[in-house]
């Protein structure tokens, strides 16, 4: 389990061979993800937020996930990149804005921490 505080997700890898980790999935998590704990005996994984700040409208929260067998597909949307002309995916990170366009697409921008912001066009037809 790898927590990403900035993007509020936990990435799960299968690591029976530590030299070749295998990506399994990404779990959506609470804002300001700070800690997590696996409970294998119950098939659970728990993650918690860092702080509770009522003035910032950021409330503390805990996510509890239950292990499901391979035949189950996650029921939450996942955003993936298409490939560029050279066959590599378009890199992106820390999306901070989102708006629905009149053309049926969503448009998003990268976080202000990047030197140059870009506008991304998101096709939701597959969701």
Foldseek 3Di string as FASTA:
>chain_A
DDADQLQQKDWDWDPPPVVDTHTDDIGHHAHQWDDKDDDVVQQKIKTWHDDADVVVVRHIDMDIDHDDDPVDDDPDDDDFFDADPVGHGDDADQWDDWDQDPVRWIWIWHDPVDPDIDIDTHHPPVD
